Amino acid sequence: MSRLTIAPITEASGQAAQLFAAIKAGVGKVPNAYAGIGMLSPVALESVLHLDGALRKSSLSPQEIETVKLAVSEQAGCDYCLAAHTLMGRKVGLQDAAMLGLRHGQPSGDARLDLLAEFARSLVATRGTAPEELVERVRAAYSDAQIVDTLLAVTAITFTNLYNRVNDTALDFPRAP
């Protein structure tokens, strides 16, 4: 049950209605998280959509983006984002066992993705300067541009994690294993 007071999207007008129409045209429905964000702050929803659009043009592959989003969502304990990004992970070719490994710091079968997930988890679980040894390991596997794009992916998923944790957004995707 939502904690925030959110009007039904059928009452959307202006910018929110335009954003919802575009989302529905693209994915067939307006997910509950986007509905709530957009009804409360169309500016916030537009920003989230722009960040995700920028990520699709970034130096990261779709699998790398979903790896970051899954690792960060697991660290944050966001059931909604875990469900959504497990579904997205499947769509970009990640296997369920690999996604569980990436979420839990276990081998996924892809050492580069394991390292990326470790890096993302470290960024959100620690304070201060990132550990030099970890940054150097990441730099050996990823370009500096990919590291910056990883930070963008962490930023994008962190907002939706926070929103869903505050709102306790109802799942409208199958629960992640």
C-alpha atoms as a PDB file:
ATOM      1  CA  MET A   1       0.000   0.000   0.000  1.00  0.00           C
ATOM      2  CA  SER A   2       1.396   3.371  -0.970  1.00  0.00           C
ATOM      3  CA  ARG A   3       2.394   5.622   1.871  1.00  0.00           C
ATOM      4  CA  LEU A   4       2.230   8.820  -0.172  1.00  0.00           C
ATOM      5  CA  THR A   5      -1.084  10.237  -1.368  1.00  0.00           C
ATOM      6  CA  ILE A   6      -1.147   9.639  -5.107  1.00  0.00           C
ATOM      7  CA  ALA A   7      -4.085  10.436  -7.374  1.00  0.00           C
ATOM      8  CA  PRO A   8      -4.922   7.863 -10.060  1.00  0.00           C
ATOM      9  CA  ILE A   9      -3.118   8.424 -13.359  1.00  0.00           C
ATOM     10  CA  THR A  10      -6.510   8.857 -15.025  1.00  0.00           C
ATOM     11  CA  GLU A  11      -6.495  12.275 -13.313  1.00  0.00           C
ATOM     12  CA  ALA A  12      -3.139  13.245 -14.820  1.00  0.00           C
ATOM     13  CA  SER A  13      -2.946  16.389 -16.896  1.00  0.00           C
ATOM     14  CA  GLY A  14      -0.288  18.515 -18.525  1.00  0.00           C
ATOM     15  CA  GLN A  15       3.293  17.271 -18.318  1.00  0.00           C
ATOM     16  CA  ALA A  16       2.386  14.180 -16.267  1.00  0.00           C
ATOM     17  CA  ALA A  17      -0.223  13.070 -18.821  1.00  0.00           C
ATOM     18  CA  GLN A  18       2.278  13.547 -21.668  1.00  0.00           C
ATOM     19  CA  LEU A  19       4.944  11.531 -19.854  1.00  0.00           C
ATOM     20  CA  PHE A  20       2.487   8.741 -19.045  1.00  0.00           C
ATOM     21  CA  ALA A  21       1.341   8.565 -22.677  1.00  0.00           C
ATOM     22  CA  ALA A  22       4.949   8.208 -23.831  1.00  0.00           C
ATOM     23  CA  ILE A  23       5.709   5.538 -21.225  1.00  0.00           C
ATOM     24  CA  LYS A  24       2.562   3.587 -22.112  1.00  0.00           C
ATOM     25  CA  ALA A  25       3.410   3.779 -25.821  1.00  0.00           C
ATOM     26  CA  GLY A  26       6.902   2.480 -25.109  1.00  0.00           C
ATOM     27  CA  VAL A  27       6.265  -0.308 -22.603  1.00  0.00           C
ATOM     28  CA  GLY A  28       2.522  -0.932 -22.763  1.00  0.00           C
ATOM     29  CA  LYS A  29       1.730   0.336 -19.271  1.00  0.00           C
ATOM     30  CA  VAL A  30       2.765   2.911 -16.716  1.00  0.00           C
ATOM     31  CA  PRO A  31       4.589   1.059 -13.916  1.00  0.00           C
ATOM     32  CA  ASN A  32       3.447   1.940 -10.406  1.00  0.00           C
ATOM     33  CA  ALA A  33       6.744   3.648  -9.522  1.00  0.00           C
ATOM     34  CA  TYR A  34       6.559   5.953 -12.541  1.00  0.00           C
ATOM     35  CA  ALA A  35       2.867   6.604 -11.908  1.00  0.00           C
ATOM     36  CA  GLY A  36       3.522   7.702  -8.352  1.00  0.00           C
ATOM     37  CA  ILE A  37       6.580   9.784  -9.159  1.00  0.00           C
ATOM     38  CA  GLY A  38       4.845  11.453 -12.099  1.00  0.00           C
ATOM     39  CA  MET A  39       1.630  12.239 -10.259  1.00  0.00           C
ATOM     40  CA  LEU A  40       3.571  13.826  -7.412  1.00  0.00           C
ATOM     41  CA  SER A  41       6.375  15.468  -9.404  1.00  0.00           C
ATOM     42  CA  PRO A  42       6.339  15.407 -13.193  1.00  0.00           C
ATOM     43  CA  VAL A  43       9.726  17.148 -13.069  1.00  0.00           C
ATOM     44  CA  ALA A  44      11.190  14.242 -11.092  1.00  0.00           C
ATOM     45  CA  LEU A  45       9.733  11.672 -13.503  1.00  0.00           C
ATOM     46  CA  GLU A  46      11.020  13.587 -16.512  1.00  0.00           C
ATOM     47  CA  SER A  47      14.476  13.674 -14.898  1.00  0.00           C
ATOM     48  CA  VAL A  48      14.439   9.920 -14.250  1.00  0.00           C
ATOM     49  CA  LEU A  49      13.406   9.245 -17.841  1.00  0.00           C
ATOM     50  CA  HIS A  50      16.150  11.543 -19.151  1.00  0.00           C
ATOM     51  CA  LEU A  51      18.756   9.788 -16.998  1.00  0.00           C
ATOM     52  CA  ASP A  52      17.643   6.402 -18.281  1.00  0.00           C
ATOM     53  CA  GLY A  53      17.652   7.730 -21.850  1.00  0.00           C
ATOM     54  CA  ALA A  54      21.195   9.007 -21.380  1.00  0.00           C
ATOM     55  CA  LEU A  55      22.268   5.627 -20.001  1.00  0.00           C
ATOM     56  CA  ARG A  56      21.004   3.911 -23.144  1.00  0.00           C
ATOM     57  CA  LYS A  57      23.435   6.116 -25.111  1.00  0.00           C
ATOM     58  CA  SER A  58      26.304   5.614 -22.659  1.00  0.00           C
ATOM     59  CA  SER A  59      29.435   3.506 -22.924  1.00  0.00           C
ATOM     60  CA  LEU A  60      27.796   0.750 -20.835  1.00  0.00           C
ATOM     61  CA  SER A  61      26.047  -2.222 -22.403  1.00  0.00           C
ATOM     62  CA  PRO A  62      22.439  -2.986 -21.434  1.00  0.00           C
ATOM     63  CA  GLN A  63      23.722  -5.926 -19.352  1.00  0.00           C
ATOM     64  CA  GLU A  64      26.182  -3.666 -17.529  1.00  0.00           C
ATOM     65  CA  ILE A  65      23.452  -1.111 -16.788  1.00  0.00           C
ATOM     66  CA  GLU A  66      21.162  -3.802 -15.388  1.00  0.00           C
ATOM     67  CA  THR A  67      24.059  -5.246 -13.367  1.00  0.00           C
ATOM     68  CA  VAL A  68      24.555  -1.888 -11.656  1.00  0.00           C
ATOM     69  CA  LYS A  69      20.837  -1.413 -11.078  1.00  0.00           C
ATOM     70  CA  LEU A  70      20.452  -4.896  -9.602  1.00  0.00           C
ATOM     71  CA  ALA A  71      23.502  -4.589  -7.338  1.00  0.00           C
ATOM     72  CA  VAL A  72      22.471  -1.183  -6.020  1.00  0.00           C
ATOM     73  CA  SER A  73      18.834  -2.213  -5.565  1.00  0.00           C
ATOM     74  CA  GLU A  74      19.899  -5.281  -3.593  1.00  0.00           C
ATOM     75  CA  GLN A  75      22.141  -3.150  -1.393  1.00  0.00           C
ATOM     76  CA  ALA A  76      19.284  -0.680  -0.846  1.00  0.00           C
ATOM     77  CA  GLY A  77      16.741  -3.422  -0.184  1.00  0.00           C
ATOM     78  CA  CYS A  78      14.334  -2.076  -2.823  1.00  0.00           C
ATOM     79  CA  ASP A  79      11.969  -4.945  -3.635  1.00  0.00           C
ATOM     80  CA  TYR A  80      10.257  -2.924  -6.363  1.00  0.00           C
ATOM     81  CA  CYS A  81      13.458  -2.149  -8.279  1.00  0.00           C
ATOM     82  CA  LEU A  82      14.720  -5.704  -7.818  1.00  0.00           C
ATOM     83  CA  ALA A  83      11.510  -6.988  -9.418  1.00  0.00           C
ATOM     84  CA  ALA A  84      11.615  -4.457 -12.265  1.00  0.00           C
ATOM     85  CA  HIS A  85      15.302  -4.909 -13.030  1.00  0.00           C
ATOM     86  CA  THR A  86      15.173  -8.687 -12.803  1.00  0.00           C
ATOM     87  CA  LEU A  87      12.595  -8.498 -15.581  1.00  0.00           C
ATOM     88  CA  MET A  88      14.776  -6.006 -17.499  1.00  0.00           C
ATOM     89  CA  GLY A  89      17.851  -8.160 -16.890  1.00  0.00           C
ATOM     90  CA  ARG A  90      16.107 -11.107 -18.505  1.00  0.00           C
ATOM     91  CA  LYS A  91      15.176  -8.927 -21.484  1.00  0.00           C
ATOM     92  CA  VAL A  92      18.842  -8.012 -22.036  1.00  0.00           C
ATOM     93  CA  GLY A  93      20.018 -11.607 -21.751  1.00  0.00           C
ATOM     94  CA  LEU A  94      21.030 -12.024 -18.118  1.00  0.00           C
ATOM     95  CA  GLN A  95      20.161 -15.420 -16.649  1.00  0.00           C
ATOM     96  CA  ASP A  96      18.404 -15.696 -13.274  1.00  0.00           C
ATOM     97  CA  ALA A  97      21.345 -17.476 -11.617  1.00  0.00           C
ATOM     98  CA  ALA A  98      23.748 -14.808 -12.881  1.00  0.00           C
ATOM     99  CA  MET A  99      21.508 -12.012 -11.588  1.00  0.00           C
ATOM    100  CA  LEU A 100      21.340 -13.639  -8.156  1.00  0.00           C
ATOM    101  CA  GLY A 101      25.133 -13.833  -8.118  1.00  0.00           C
ATOM    102  CA  LEU A 102      25.462 -10.193  -9.160  1.00  0.00           C
ATOM    103  CA  ARG A 103      23.004  -9.109  -6.460  1.00  0.00           C
ATOM    104  CA  HIS A 104      24.638 -11.119  -3.678  1.00  0.00           C
ATOM    105  CA  GLY A 105      28.338 -10.752  -4.474  1.00  0.00           C
ATOM    106  CA  GLN A 106      28.644 -14.318  -5.710  1.00  0.00           C
ATOM    107  CA  PRO A 107      30.155 -15.423  -9.027  1.00  0.00           C
ATOM    108  CA  SER A 108      27.762 -14.858 -11.912  1.00  0.00           C
ATOM    109  CA  GLY A 109      29.835 -16.531 -14.589  1.00  0.00           C
ATOM    110  CA  ASP A 110      31.081 -13.177 -15.908  1.00  0.00           C
ATOM    111  CA  ALA A 111      34.067 -11.784 -14.008  1.00  0.00           C
ATOM    112  CA  ARG A 112      33.715  -8.294 -15.535  1.00  0.00           C
ATOM    113  CA  LEU A 113      30.079  -8.009 -14.466  1.00  0.00           C
ATOM    114  CA  ASP A 114      30.985  -9.386 -11.024  1.00  0.00           C
ATOM    115  CA  LEU A 115      33.565  -6.613 -10.667  1.00  0.00           C
ATOM    116  CA  LEU A 116      31.098  -3.959 -11.848  1.00  0.00           C
ATOM    117  CA  ALA A 117      28.525  -5.169  -9.317  1.00  0.00           C
ATOM    118  CA  GLU A 118      31.157  -5.148  -6.558  1.00  0.00           C
ATOM    119  CA  PHE A 119      32.112  -1.586  -7.501  1.00  0.00           C
ATOM    120  CA  ALA A 120      28.485  -0.398  -7.509  1.00  0.00           C
ATOM    121  CA  ARG A 121      27.761  -2.058  -4.159  1.00  0.00           C
ATOM    122  CA  SER A 122      30.893  -0.530  -2.657  1.00  0.00           C
ATOM    123  CA  LEU A 123      29.928   2.949  -3.825  1.00  0.00           C
ATOM    124  CA  VAL A 124      26.553   2.840  -2.107  1.00  0.00           C
ATOM    125  CA  ALA A 125      27.605   0.868   0.976  1.00  0.00           C
ATOM    126  CA  THR A 126      30.644   2.882   2.027  1.00  0.00           C
ATOM    127  CA  ARG A 127      31.524   6.464   2.805  1.00  0.00           C
ATOM    128  CA  GLY A 128      34.485   8.579   1.829  1.00  0.00           C
ATOM    129  CA  THR A 129      36.885   8.015  -1.016  1.00  0.00           C
ATOM    130  CA  ALA A 130      36.376   4.781  -2.921  1.00  0.00           C
ATOM    131  CA  PRO A 131      39.039   2.188  -2.082  1.00  0.00           C
ATOM    132  CA  GLU A 132      42.047   2.684  -4.360  1.00  0.00           C
ATOM    133  CA  GLU A 133      42.544  -1.048  -4.886  1.00  0.00           C
ATOM    134  CA  LEU A 134      38.955  -1.460  -6.088  1.00  0.00           C
ATOM    135  CA  VAL A 135      39.157   1.548  -8.395  1.00  0.00           C
ATOM    136  CA  GLU A 136      42.364   0.184  -9.916  1.00  0.00           C
ATOM    137  CA  ARG A 137      40.775  -3.237 -10.478  1.00  0.00           C
ATOM    138  CA  VAL A 138      37.798  -1.578 -12.142  1.00  0.00           C
ATOM    139  CA  ARG A 139      40.096   0.599 -14.282  1.00  0.00           C
ATOM    140  CA  ALA A 140      41.879  -2.550 -15.473  1.00  0.00           C
ATOM    141  CA  ALA A 141      38.567  -3.904 -16.801  1.00  0.00           C
ATOM    142  CA  TYR A 142      36.618  -0.758 -17.738  1.00  0.00           C
ATOM    143  CA  SER A 143      37.470   2.584 -19.323  1.00  0.00           C
ATOM    144  CA  ASP A 144      37.333   5.784 -17.327  1.00  0.00           C
ATOM    145  CA  ALA A 145      34.277   6.764 -19.401  1.00  0.00           C
ATOM    146  CA  GLN A 146      32.569   3.523 -18.380  1.00  0.00           C
ATOM    147  CA  ILE A 147      33.362   4.273 -14.750  1.00  0.00           C
ATOM    148  CA  VAL A 148      31.689   7.677 -15.048  1.00  0.00           C
ATOM    149  CA  ASP A 149      28.707   6.091 -16.807  1.00  0.00           C
ATOM    150  CA  THR A 150      28.529   3.566 -13.955  1.00  0.00           C
ATOM    151  CA  LEU A 151      28.198   6.501 -11.550  1.00  0.00           C
ATOM    152  CA  LEU A 152      25.314   7.778 -13.681  1.00  0.00           C
ATOM    153  CA  ALA A 153      23.631   4.357 -13.467  1.00  0.00           C
ATOM    154  CA  VAL A 154      24.089   4.360  -9.680  1.00  0.00           C
ATOM    155  CA  THR A 155      22.558   7.835  -9.538  1.00  0.00           C
ATOM    156  CA  ALA A 156      19.545   6.867 -11.649  1.00  0.00           C
ATOM    157  CA  ILE A 157      18.675   3.748  -9.674  1.00  0.00           C
ATOM    158  CA  THR A 158      19.330   5.388  -6.314  1.00  0.00           C
ATOM    159  CA  PHE A 159      16.509   7.882  -6.875  1.00  0.00           C
ATOM    160  CA  THR A 160      13.958   5.202  -7.720  1.00  0.00           C
ATOM    161  CA  ASN A 161      15.215   3.015  -4.854  1.00  0.00           C
ATOM    162  CA  LEU A 162      14.664   5.908  -2.462  1.00  0.00           C
ATOM    163  CA  TYR A 163      11.229   6.735  -3.847  1.00  0.00           C
ATOM    164  CA  ASN A 164      10.052   3.135  -3.621  1.00  0.00           C
ATOM    165  CA  ARG A 165      11.449   2.680  -0.128  1.00  0.00           C
ATOM    166  CA  VAL A 166       9.653   5.801   1.110  1.00  0.00           C
ATOM    167  CA  ASN A 167       6.411   5.055  -0.724  1.00  0.00           C
ATOM    168  CA  ASP A 168       6.481   1.257  -0.291  1.00  0.00           C
ATOM    169  CA  THR A 169       5.329   1.064  -3.915  1.00  0.00           C
ATOM    170  CA  ALA A 170       3.139  -1.926  -4.720  1.00  0.00           C
ATOM    171  CA  LEU A 171       4.819  -4.432  -7.030  1.00  0.00           C
ATOM    172  CA  ASP A 172       3.380  -4.647 -10.506  1.00  0.00           C
ATOM    173  CA  PHE A 173       6.142  -6.991 -11.751  1.00  0.00           C
ATOM    174  CA  PRO A 174       6.798 -10.552 -10.571  1.00  0.00           C
ATOM    175  CA  ARG A 175       8.748 -10.570  -7.299  1.00  0.00           C
ATOM    176  CA  ALA A 176      12.487 -11.089  -7.798  1.00  0.00           C
ATOM    177  CA  PRO A 177      13.779 -14.485  -6.665  1.00  0.00           C
END
